[in-house]
Structures are given as C-alpha cells and as structure tokens.
Amino acid sequence: MNIYDISRPSFWTCDGCDRSIRDGEYRHNCTVCADFDYCEQCANTISPPHPHPMREELAYGRIPKSSITAVDMATGIEKAFDMYCNR
C-alpha cells in the first residue's frame, strides 16, 4: 500500500515555479509571510533564497468522499489512521 497519493493535488502552489504541490510532497512554508510556499526543488535552488525562515511540511489535499463511510467507532478510527498515515 502506498501511503502517499502524489497523483492528488494539495491545497498549495509553489510561489517559485507556480507548480501545484502534490499530496504527500514536502512543501517549504514561510513562518513569517502569509501563504508563501516553495516546492522541494525551488527551496534548494532559488537564488537569492527567501529572506525568512522556511519550515518543511508535508502537503495534503482533500480526502475523497467515497472513502468515508459510517461504521462503528473502532472501524472509523482504523480508517482515520489509514487515511492520514502520512501526516
């Protein structure tokens, strides 16, 4: 089982190359600027680098509604662990 679904887009776009950061990829988030992110490649290659500290985080996207079903609590907790195992 692959824990990352890099075919699914996340909520973030790289401010360096304007590419959509995929679910499960690392994004580099500025700790000072509002909504400023770099993909892994831009964080390592852009010159001059961003002036504020950047924090590496896993990007994540929406969970498909078809994978959410109401069951008993134990099954729901198990399903949550499976869905969010990369966070």
PDB file of N, CA and C in Angstrom:
ATOM      1  N   MET A   1       0.833  -1.188   0.000  1.00  0.00           N
ATOM      2  CA  MET A   1       0.000   0.000   0.000  1.00  0.00           C
ATOM      3  C   MET A   1       0.876   1.248   0.000  1.00  0.00           C
ATOM      4  N   ASN A   2       0.628   2.167  -0.913  1.00  0.00           N
ATOM      5  CA  ASN A   2       1.367   3.418  -0.988  1.00  0.00           C
ATOM      6  C   ASN A   2       0.702   4.432  -0.057  1.00  0.00           C
ATOM      7  N   ILE A   3       1.475   4.990   0.897  1.00  0.00           N
ATOM      8  CA  ILE A   3       0.868   5.902   1.868  1.00  0.00           C
ATOM      9  C   ILE A   3       0.674   7.302   1.305  1.00  0.00           C
ATOM     10  N   TYR A   4       1.341   7.644   0.196  1.00  0.00           N
ATOM     11  CA  TYR A   4       1.192   8.957  -0.408  1.00  0.00           C
ATOM     12  C   TYR A   4       0.439   8.826  -1.721  1.00  0.00           C
ATOM     13  N   ASP A   5      -0.450   9.755  -1.982  1.00  0.00           N
ATOM     14  CA  ASP A   5      -1.172   9.762  -3.256  1.00  0.00           C
ATOM     15  C   ASP A   5      -0.720  11.000  -4.022  1.00  0.00           C
ATOM     16  N   ILE A   6       0.486  10.923  -4.636  1.00  0.00           N
ATOM     17  CA  ILE A   6       1.029  12.103  -5.295  1.00  0.00           C
ATOM     18  C   ILE A   6       0.288  12.442  -6.583  1.00  0.00           C
ATOM     19  N   SER A   7      -0.679  11.605  -6.972  1.00  0.00           N
ATOM     20  CA  SER A   7      -1.495  11.958  -8.130  1.00  0.00           C
ATOM     21  C   SER A   7      -2.562  12.987  -7.757  1.00  0.00           C
ATOM     22  N   ARG A   8      -2.801  13.145  -6.461  1.00  0.00           N
ATOM     23  CA  ARG A   8      -3.843  14.063  -5.993  1.00  0.00           C
ATOM     24  C   ARG A   8      -3.215  15.416  -5.626  1.00  0.00           C
ATOM     25  N   PRO A   9      -3.777  16.524  -6.114  1.00  0.00           N
ATOM     26  CA  PRO A   9      -3.214  17.829  -5.766  1.00  0.00           C
ATOM     27  C   PRO A   9      -3.472  18.165  -4.302  1.00  0.00           C
ATOM     28  N   SER A  10      -2.633  19.027  -3.763  1.00  0.00           N
ATOM     29  CA  SER A  10      -2.842  19.502  -2.398  1.00  0.00           C
ATOM     30  C   SER A  10      -3.465  20.894  -2.464  1.00  0.00           C
ATOM     31  N   PHE A  11      -3.496  21.574  -1.342  1.00  0.00           N
ATOM     32  CA  PHE A  11      -4.068  22.911  -1.266  1.00  0.00           C
ATOM     33  C   PHE A  11      -3.054  23.998  -1.624  1.00  0.00           C
ATOM     34  N   TRP A  12      -1.783  23.631  -1.920  1.00  0.00           N
ATOM     35  CA  TRP A  12      -0.730  24.625  -2.066  1.00  0.00           C
ATOM     36  C   TRP A  12      -0.123  24.642  -3.457  1.00  0.00           C
ATOM     37  N   THR A  13       0.370  25.828  -3.831  1.00  0.00           N
ATOM     38  CA  THR A  13       1.089  26.044  -5.088  1.00  0.00           C
ATOM     39  C   THR A  13       2.432  26.667  -4.742  1.00  0.00           C
ATOM     40  N   CYS A  14       3.476  26.242  -5.447  1.00  0.00           N
ATOM     41  CA  CYS A  14       4.812  26.784  -5.230  1.00  0.00           C
ATOM     42  C   CYS A  14       4.859  28.225  -5.732  1.00  0.00           C
ATOM     43  N   ASP A  15       5.341  29.129  -4.887  1.00  0.00           N
ATOM     44  CA  ASP A  15       5.463  30.534  -5.281  1.00  0.00           C
ATOM     45  C   ASP A  15       6.715  30.793  -6.107  1.00  0.00           C
ATOM     46  N   GLY A  16       7.584  29.792  -6.254  1.00  0.00           N
ATOM     47  CA  GLY A  16       8.779  29.944  -7.071  1.00  0.00           C
ATOM     48  C   GLY A  16       8.537  29.561  -8.514  1.00  0.00           C
ATOM     49  N   CYS A  17       7.925  28.392  -8.741  1.00  0.00           N
ATOM     50  CA  CYS A  17       7.725  27.898 -10.113  1.00  0.00           C
ATOM     51  C   CYS A  17       6.250  27.815 -10.499  1.00  0.00           C
ATOM     52  N   ASP A  18       5.349  28.180  -9.595  1.00  0.00           N
ATOM     53  CA  ASP A  18       3.907  28.188  -9.838  1.00  0.00           C
ATOM     54  C   ASP A  18       3.343  26.797 -10.153  1.00  0.00           C
ATOM     55  N   ARG A  19       4.006  25.768  -9.631  1.00  0.00           N
ATOM     56  CA  ARG A  19       3.561  24.385  -9.819  1.00  0.00           C
ATOM     57  C   ARG A  19       2.703  23.972  -8.631  1.00  0.00           C
ATOM     58  N   SER A  20       1.692  23.170  -8.877  1.00  0.00           N
ATOM     59  CA  SER A  20       0.864  22.633  -7.796  1.00  0.00           C
ATOM     60  C   SER A  20       1.680  21.608  -7.015  1.00  0.00           C
ATOM     61  N   ILE A  21       1.759  21.782  -5.711  1.00  0.00           N
ATOM     62  CA  ILE A  21       2.463  20.828  -4.852  1.00  0.00           C
ATOM     63  C   ILE A  21       1.513  19.667  -4.597  1.00  0.00           C
ATOM     64  N   ARG A  22       1.956  18.440  -4.842  1.00  0.00           N
ATOM     65  CA  ARG A  22       1.106  17.259  -4.778  1.00  0.00           C
ATOM     66  C   ARG A  22       0.960  16.750  -3.339  1.00  0.00           C
ATOM     67  N   ASP A  23      -0.104  16.018  -3.096  1.00  0.00           N
ATOM     68  CA  ASP A  23      -0.370  15.399  -1.797  1.00  0.00           C
ATOM     69  C   ASP A  23       0.776  14.459  -1.451  1.00  0.00           C
ATOM     70  N   GLY A  24       1.398  14.633  -0.290  1.00  0.00           N
ATOM     71  CA  GLY A  24       2.495  13.779   0.144  1.00  0.00           C
ATOM     72  C   GLY A  24       3.871  14.317  -0.174  1.00  0.00           C
ATOM     73  N   GLU A  25       3.960  15.366  -0.981  1.00  0.00           N
ATOM     74  CA  GLU A  25       5.248  16.004  -1.256  1.00  0.00           C
ATOM     75  C   GLU A  25       5.557  16.984  -0.125  1.00  0.00           C
ATOM     76  N   TYR A  26       6.845  17.273   0.055  1.00  0.00           N
ATOM     77  CA  TYR A  26       7.211  18.285   1.028  1.00  0.00           C
ATOM     78  C   TYR A  26       7.024  19.667   0.431  1.00  0.00           C
ATOM     79  N   ARG A  27       6.502  20.573   1.248  1.00  0.00           N
ATOM     80  CA  ARG A  27       6.425  21.981   0.876  1.00  0.00           C
ATOM     81  C   ARG A  27       7.213  22.735   1.933  1.00  0.00           C
ATOM     82  N   HIS A  28       7.775  23.844   1.548  1.00  0.00           N
ATOM     83  CA  HIS A  28       8.547  24.684   2.462  1.00  0.00           C
ATOM     84  C   HIS A  28       7.734  25.950   2.682  1.00  0.00           C
ATOM     85  N   ASN A  29       7.225  26.102   3.887  1.00  0.00           N
ATOM     86  CA  ASN A  29       6.293  27.159   4.248  1.00  0.00           C
ATOM     87  C   ASN A  29       7.029  28.261   5.015  1.00  0.00           C
ATOM     88  N   CYS A  30       6.839  29.522   4.576  1.00  0.00           N
ATOM     89  CA  CYS A  30       7.449  30.651   5.269  1.00  0.00           C
ATOM     90  C   CYS A  30       6.751  30.848   6.617  1.00  0.00           C
ATOM     91  N   THR A  31       7.553  31.050   7.655  1.00  0.00           N
ATOM     92  CA  THR A  31       6.986  31.221   9.002  1.00  0.00           C
ATOM     93  C   THR A  31       6.550  32.661   9.266  1.00  0.00           C
ATOM     94  N   VAL A  32       6.873  33.580   8.343  1.00  0.00           N
ATOM     95  CA  VAL A  32       6.529  34.991   8.532  1.00  0.00           C
ATOM     96  C   VAL A  32       5.456  35.442   7.539  1.00  0.00           C
ATOM     97  N   CYS A  33       5.658  35.151   6.256  1.00  0.00           N
ATOM     98  CA  CYS A  33       4.734  35.596   5.200  1.00  0.00           C
ATOM     99  C   CYS A  33       3.453  34.755   5.196  1.00  0.00           C
ATOM    100  N   ALA A  34       2.345  35.393   4.913  1.00  0.00           N
ATOM    101  CA  ALA A  34       1.077  34.673   4.804  1.00  0.00           C
ATOM    102  C   ALA A  34       1.020  33.980   3.443  1.00  0.00           C
ATOM    103  N   ASP A  35       0.772  32.681   3.462  1.00  0.00           N
ATOM    104  CA  ASP A  35       0.568  31.886   2.249  1.00  0.00           C
ATOM    105  C   ASP A  35       1.743  31.988   1.273  1.00  0.00           C
ATOM    106  N   PHE A  36       2.947  31.680   1.738  1.00  0.00           N
ATOM    107  CA  PHE A  36       4.130  31.658   0.881  1.00  0.00           C
ATOM    108  C   PHE A  36       4.772  30.292   1.014  1.00  0.00           C
ATOM    109  N   ASP A  37       4.824  29.545  -0.098  1.00  0.00           N
ATOM    110  CA  ASP A  37       5.342  28.180  -0.085  1.00  0.00           C
ATOM    111  C   ASP A  37       6.275  27.938  -1.258  1.00  0.00           C
ATOM    112  N   TYR A  38       7.277  27.091  -1.050  1.00  0.00           N
ATOM    113  CA  TYR A  38       8.151  26.610  -2.111  1.00  0.00           C
ATOM    114  C   TYR A  38       8.032  25.099  -2.196  1.00  0.00           C
ATOM    115  N   CYS A  39       8.182  24.557  -3.399  1.00  0.00           N
ATOM    116  CA  CYS A  39       8.312  23.106  -3.545  1.00  0.00           C
ATOM    117  C   CYS A  39       9.745  22.741  -3.137  1.00  0.00           C
ATOM    118  N   GLU A  40      10.049  21.456  -3.045  1.00  0.00           N
ATOM    119  CA  GLU A  40      11.375  20.989  -2.629  1.00  0.00           C
ATOM    120  C   GLU A  40      12.468  21.525  -3.559  1.00  0.00           C
ATOM    121  N   GLN A  41      12.227  21.473  -4.849  1.00  0.00           N
ATOM    122  CA  GLN A  41      13.233  21.905  -5.820  1.00  0.00           C
ATOM    123  C   GLN A  41      13.528  23.401  -5.692  1.00  0.00           C
ATOM    124  N   CYS A  42      12.492  24.226  -5.620  1.00  0.00           N
ATOM    125  CA  CYS A  42      12.695  25.674  -5.508  1.00  0.00           C
ATOM    126  C   CYS A  42      13.360  26.048  -4.190  1.00  0.00           C
ATOM    127  N   ALA A  43      13.025  25.366  -3.113  1.00  0.00           N
ATOM    128  CA  ALA A  43      13.621  25.666  -1.812  1.00  0.00           C
ATOM    129  C   ALA A  43      15.131  25.442  -1.839  1.00  0.00           C
ATOM    130  N   ASN A  44      15.588  24.497  -2.674  1.00  0.00           N
ATOM    131  CA  ASN A  44      17.018  24.191  -2.744  1.00  0.00           C
ATOM    132  C   ASN A  44      17.764  24.961  -3.829  1.00  0.00           C
ATOM    133  N   THR A  45      17.045  25.537  -4.806  1.00  0.00           N
ATOM    134  CA  THR A  45      17.745  26.126  -5.947  1.00  0.00           C
ATOM    135  C   THR A  45      17.522  27.615  -6.154  1.00  0.00           C
ATOM    136  N   ILE A  46      16.457  28.203  -5.631  1.00  0.00           N
ATOM    137  CA  ILE A  46      16.178  29.621  -5.905  1.00  0.00           C
ATOM    138  C   ILE A  46      17.252  30.503  -5.278  1.00  0.00           C
ATOM    139  N   SER A  47      17.726  31.451  -6.107  1.00  0.00           N
ATOM    140  CA  SER A  47      18.748  32.372  -5.640  1.00  0.00           C
ATOM    141  C   SER A  47      18.303  33.789  -5.994  1.00  0.00           C
ATOM    142  N   PRO A  48      18.287  34.724  -5.088  1.00  0.00           N
ATOM    143  CA  PRO A  48      18.627  34.577  -3.678  1.00  0.00           C
ATOM    144  C   PRO A  48      17.524  33.834  -2.918  1.00  0.00           C
ATOM    145  N   PRO A  49      17.866  33.180  -1.824  1.00  0.00           N
ATOM    146  CA  PRO A  49      16.846  32.446  -1.054  1.00  0.00           C
ATOM    147  C   PRO A  49      15.851  33.402  -0.382  1.00  0.00           C
ATOM    148  N   HIS A  50      14.730  32.841   0.028  1.00  0.00           N
ATOM    149  CA  HIS A  50      13.704  33.635   0.711  1.00  0.00           C
ATOM    150  C   HIS A  50      14.304  34.198   2.003  1.00  0.00           C
ATOM    151  N   PRO A  51      14.026  35.468   2.347  1.00  0.00           N
ATOM    152  CA  PRO A  51      14.680  36.108   3.489  1.00  0.00           C
ATOM    153  C   PRO A  51      14.213  35.609   4.866  1.00  0.00           C
ATOM    154  N   HIS A  52      13.073  34.929   4.932  1.00  0.00           N
ATOM    155  CA  HIS A  52      12.560  34.468   6.227  1.00  0.00           C
ATOM    156  C   HIS A  52      12.780  32.962   6.400  1.00  0.00           C
ATOM    157  N   PRO A  53      12.687  32.487   7.644  1.00  0.00           N
ATOM    158  CA  PRO A  53      12.825  31.042   7.869  1.00  0.00           C
ATOM    159  C   PRO A  53      11.707  30.253   7.180  1.00  0.00           C
ATOM    160  N   MET A  54      12.071  29.111   6.610  1.00  0.00           N
ATOM    161  CA  MET A  54      11.111  28.233   5.938  1.00  0.00           C
ATOM    162  C   MET A  54      11.006  26.937   6.739  1.00  0.00           C
ATOM    163  N   ARG A  55       9.790  26.420   6.900  1.00  0.00           N
ATOM    164  CA  ARG A  55       9.551  25.179   7.639  1.00  0.00           C
ATOM    165  C   ARG A  55       9.098  24.112   6.652  1.00  0.00           C
ATOM    166  N   GLU A  56       9.735  22.945   6.702  1.00  0.00           N
ATOM    167  CA  GLU A  56       9.376  21.834   5.831  1.00  0.00           C
ATOM    168  C   GLU A  56       8.170  21.096   6.408  1.00  0.00           C
ATOM    169  N   GLU A  57       7.127  20.940   5.581  1.00  0.00           N
ATOM    170  CA  GLU A  57       5.898  20.256   5.998  1.00  0.00           C
ATOM    171  C   GLU A  57       5.407  19.375   4.857  1.00  0.00           C
ATOM    172  N   LEU A  58       4.657  18.342   5.199  1.00  0.00           N
ATOM    173  CA  LEU A  58       4.023  17.534   4.163  1.00  0.00           C
ATOM    174  C   LEU A  58       2.775  18.250   3.663  1.00  0.00           C
ATOM    175  N   ALA A  59       2.639  18.333   2.355  1.00  0.00           N
ATOM    176  CA  ALA A  59       1.432  18.916   1.764  1.00  0.00           C
ATOM    177  C   ALA A  59       0.338  17.853   1.768  1.00  0.00           C
ATOM    178  N   TYR A  60      -0.887  18.268   1.913  1.00  0.00           N
ATOM    179  CA  TYR A  60      -2.001  17.323   1.894  1.00  0.00           C
ATOM    180  C   TYR A  60      -3.176  17.935   1.146  1.00  0.00           C
ATOM    181  N   GLY A  61      -3.998  17.066   0.592  1.00  0.00           N
ATOM    182  CA  GLY A  61      -5.162  17.506  -0.173  1.00  0.00           C
ATOM    183  C   GLY A  61      -6.445  16.964   0.426  1.00  0.00           C
ATOM    184  N   ARG A  62      -7.508  17.101  -0.316  1.00  0.00           N
ATOM    185  CA  ARG A  62      -8.822  16.616   0.142  1.00  0.00           C
ATOM    186  C   ARG A  62      -8.868  15.097   0.128  1.00  0.00           C
ATOM    187  N   ILE A  63      -9.618  14.545   1.046  1.00  0.00           N
ATOM    188  CA  ILE A  63      -9.868  13.106   1.092  1.00  0.00           C
ATOM    189  C   ILE A  63     -11.117  12.846   0.261  1.00  0.00           C
ATOM    190  N   PRO A  64     -11.053  11.896  -0.677  1.00  0.00           N
ATOM    191  CA  PRO A  64     -12.258  11.600  -1.482  1.00  0.00           C
ATOM    192  C   PRO A  64     -13.436  11.174  -0.610  1.00  0.00           C
ATOM    193  N   LYS A  65     -14.600  11.731  -0.862  1.00  0.00           N
ATOM    194  CA  LYS A  65     -15.785  11.414  -0.054  1.00  0.00           C
ATOM    195  C   LYS A  65     -16.194   9.958  -0.176  1.00  0.00           C
ATOM    196  N   SER A  66     -15.890   9.311  -1.294  1.00  0.00           N
ATOM    197  CA  SER A  66     -16.263   7.915  -1.478  1.00  0.00           C
ATOM    198  C   SER A  66     -15.559   6.994  -0.485  1.00  0.00           C
ATOM    199  N   SER A  67     -14.423   7.452   0.091  1.00  0.00           N
ATOM    200  CA  SER A  67     -13.705   6.605   1.041  1.00  0.00           C
ATOM    201  C   SER A  67     -14.203   6.791   2.473  1.00  0.00           C
ATOM    202  N   ILE A  68     -15.183   7.653   2.681  1.00  0.00           N
ATOM    203  CA  ILE A  68     -15.719   7.897   4.017  1.00  0.00           C
ATOM    204  C   ILE A  68     -17.091   7.233   4.136  1.00  0.00           C
ATOM    205  N   THR A  69     -17.199   6.298   5.058  1.00  0.00           N
ATOM    206  CA  THR A  69     -18.477   5.622   5.311  1.00  0.00           C
ATOM    207  C   THR A  69     -18.702   5.547   6.811  1.00  0.00           C
ATOM    208  N   ALA A  70     -19.949   5.594   7.214  1.00  0.00           N
ATOM    209  CA  ALA A  70     -20.285   5.497   8.635  1.00  0.00           C
ATOM    210  C   ALA A  70     -20.306   4.031   9.050  1.00  0.00           C
ATOM    211  N   VAL A  71     -19.527   3.704  10.092  1.00  0.00           N
ATOM    212  CA  VAL A  71     -19.464   2.347  10.624  1.00  0.00           C
ATOM    213  C   VAL A  71     -19.367   2.459  12.139  1.00  0.00           C
ATOM    214  N   ASP A  72     -18.858   1.444  12.809  1.00  0.00           N
ATOM    215  CA  ASP A  72     -18.677   1.538  14.254  1.00  0.00           C
ATOM    216  C   ASP A  72     -17.412   2.349  14.569  1.00  0.00           C
ATOM    217  N   MET A  73     -17.228   2.728  15.820  1.00  0.00           N
ATOM    218  CA  MET A  73     -16.135   3.605  16.200  1.00  0.00           C
ATOM    219  C   MET A  73     -14.760   2.989  15.926  1.00  0.00           C
ATOM    220  N   ALA A  74     -14.566   1.724  16.240  1.00  0.00           N
ATOM    221  CA  ALA A  74     -13.266   1.080  16.022  1.00  0.00           C
ATOM    222  C   ALA A  74     -12.884   1.089  14.545  1.00  0.00           C
ATOM    223  N   THR A  75     -13.844   0.808  13.683  1.00  0.00           N
ATOM    224  CA  THR A  75     -13.576   0.825  12.244  1.00  0.00           C
ATOM    225  C   THR A  75     -13.304   2.248  11.775  1.00  0.00           C
ATOM    226  N   GLY A  76     -14.004   3.220  12.333  1.00  0.00           N
ATOM    227  CA  GLY A  76     -13.782   4.622  11.980  1.00  0.00           C
ATOM    228  C   GLY A  76     -12.395   5.090  12.368  1.00  0.00           C
ATOM    229  N   ILE A  77     -11.928   4.695  13.547  1.00  0.00           N
ATOM    230  CA  ILE A  77     -10.580   5.067  13.989  1.00  0.00           C
ATOM    231  C   ILE A  77      -9.537   4.406  13.105  1.00  0.00           C
ATOM    232  N   GLU A  78      -9.737   3.149  12.783  1.00  0.00           N
ATOM    233  CA  GLU A  78      -8.813   2.434  11.898  1.00  0.00           C
ATOM    234  C   GLU A  78      -8.763   3.103  10.521  1.00  0.00           C
ATOM    235  N   LYS A  79      -9.914   3.497  10.005  1.00  0.00           N
ATOM    236  CA  LYS A  79      -9.991   4.165   8.708  1.00  0.00           C
ATOM    237  C   LYS A  79      -9.260   5.513   8.753  1.00  0.00           C
ATOM    238  N   ALA A  80      -9.394   6.245   9.859  1.00  0.00           N
ATOM    239  CA  ALA A  80      -8.704   7.530  10.009  1.00  0.00           C
ATOM    240  C   ALA A  80      -7.195   7.343  10.007  1.00  0.00           C
ATOM    241  N   PHE A  81      -6.695   6.297  10.682  1.00  0.00           N
ATOM    242  CA  PHE A  81      -5.260   6.015  10.657  1.00  0.00           C
ATOM    243  C   PHE A  81      -4.785   5.725   9.245  1.00  0.00           C
ATOM    244  N   ASP A  82      -5.568   4.984   8.477  1.00  0.00           N
ATOM    245  CA  ASP A  82      -5.204   4.671   7.095  1.00  0.00           C
ATOM    246  C   ASP A  82      -5.212   5.916   6.215  1.00  0.00           C
ATOM    247  N   MET A  83      -6.215   6.782   6.389  1.00  0.00           N
ATOM    248  CA  MET A  83      -6.355   7.963   5.548  1.00  0.00           C
ATOM    249  C   MET A  83      -5.293   9.012   5.843  1.00  0.00           C
ATOM    250  N   TYR A  84      -4.889   9.169   7.105  1.00  0.00           N
ATOM    251  CA  TYR A  84      -3.984  10.234   7.500  1.00  0.00           C
ATOM    252  C   TYR A  84      -2.616   9.718   7.925  1.00  0.00           C
ATOM    253  N   CYS A  85      -2.210   8.556   7.449  1.00  0.00           N
ATOM    254  CA  CYS A  85      -0.948   7.971   7.887  1.00  0.00           C
ATOM    255  C   CYS A  85       0.271   8.782   7.478  1.00  0.00           C
ATOM    256  N   ASN A  86       0.171   9.648   6.483  1.00  0.00           N
ATOM    257  CA  ASN A  86       1.324  10.438   6.061  1.00  0.00           C
ATOM    258  C   ASN A  86       1.384  11.816   6.711  1.00  0.00           C
ATOM    259  N   ARG A  87       0.545  12.081   7.688  1.00  0.00           N
ATOM    260  CA  ARG A  87       0.527  13.415   8.316  1.00  0.00           C
ATOM    261  C   ARG A  87       1.056  13.353   9.725  1.00  0.00           C
TER     262      ARG A  87
END
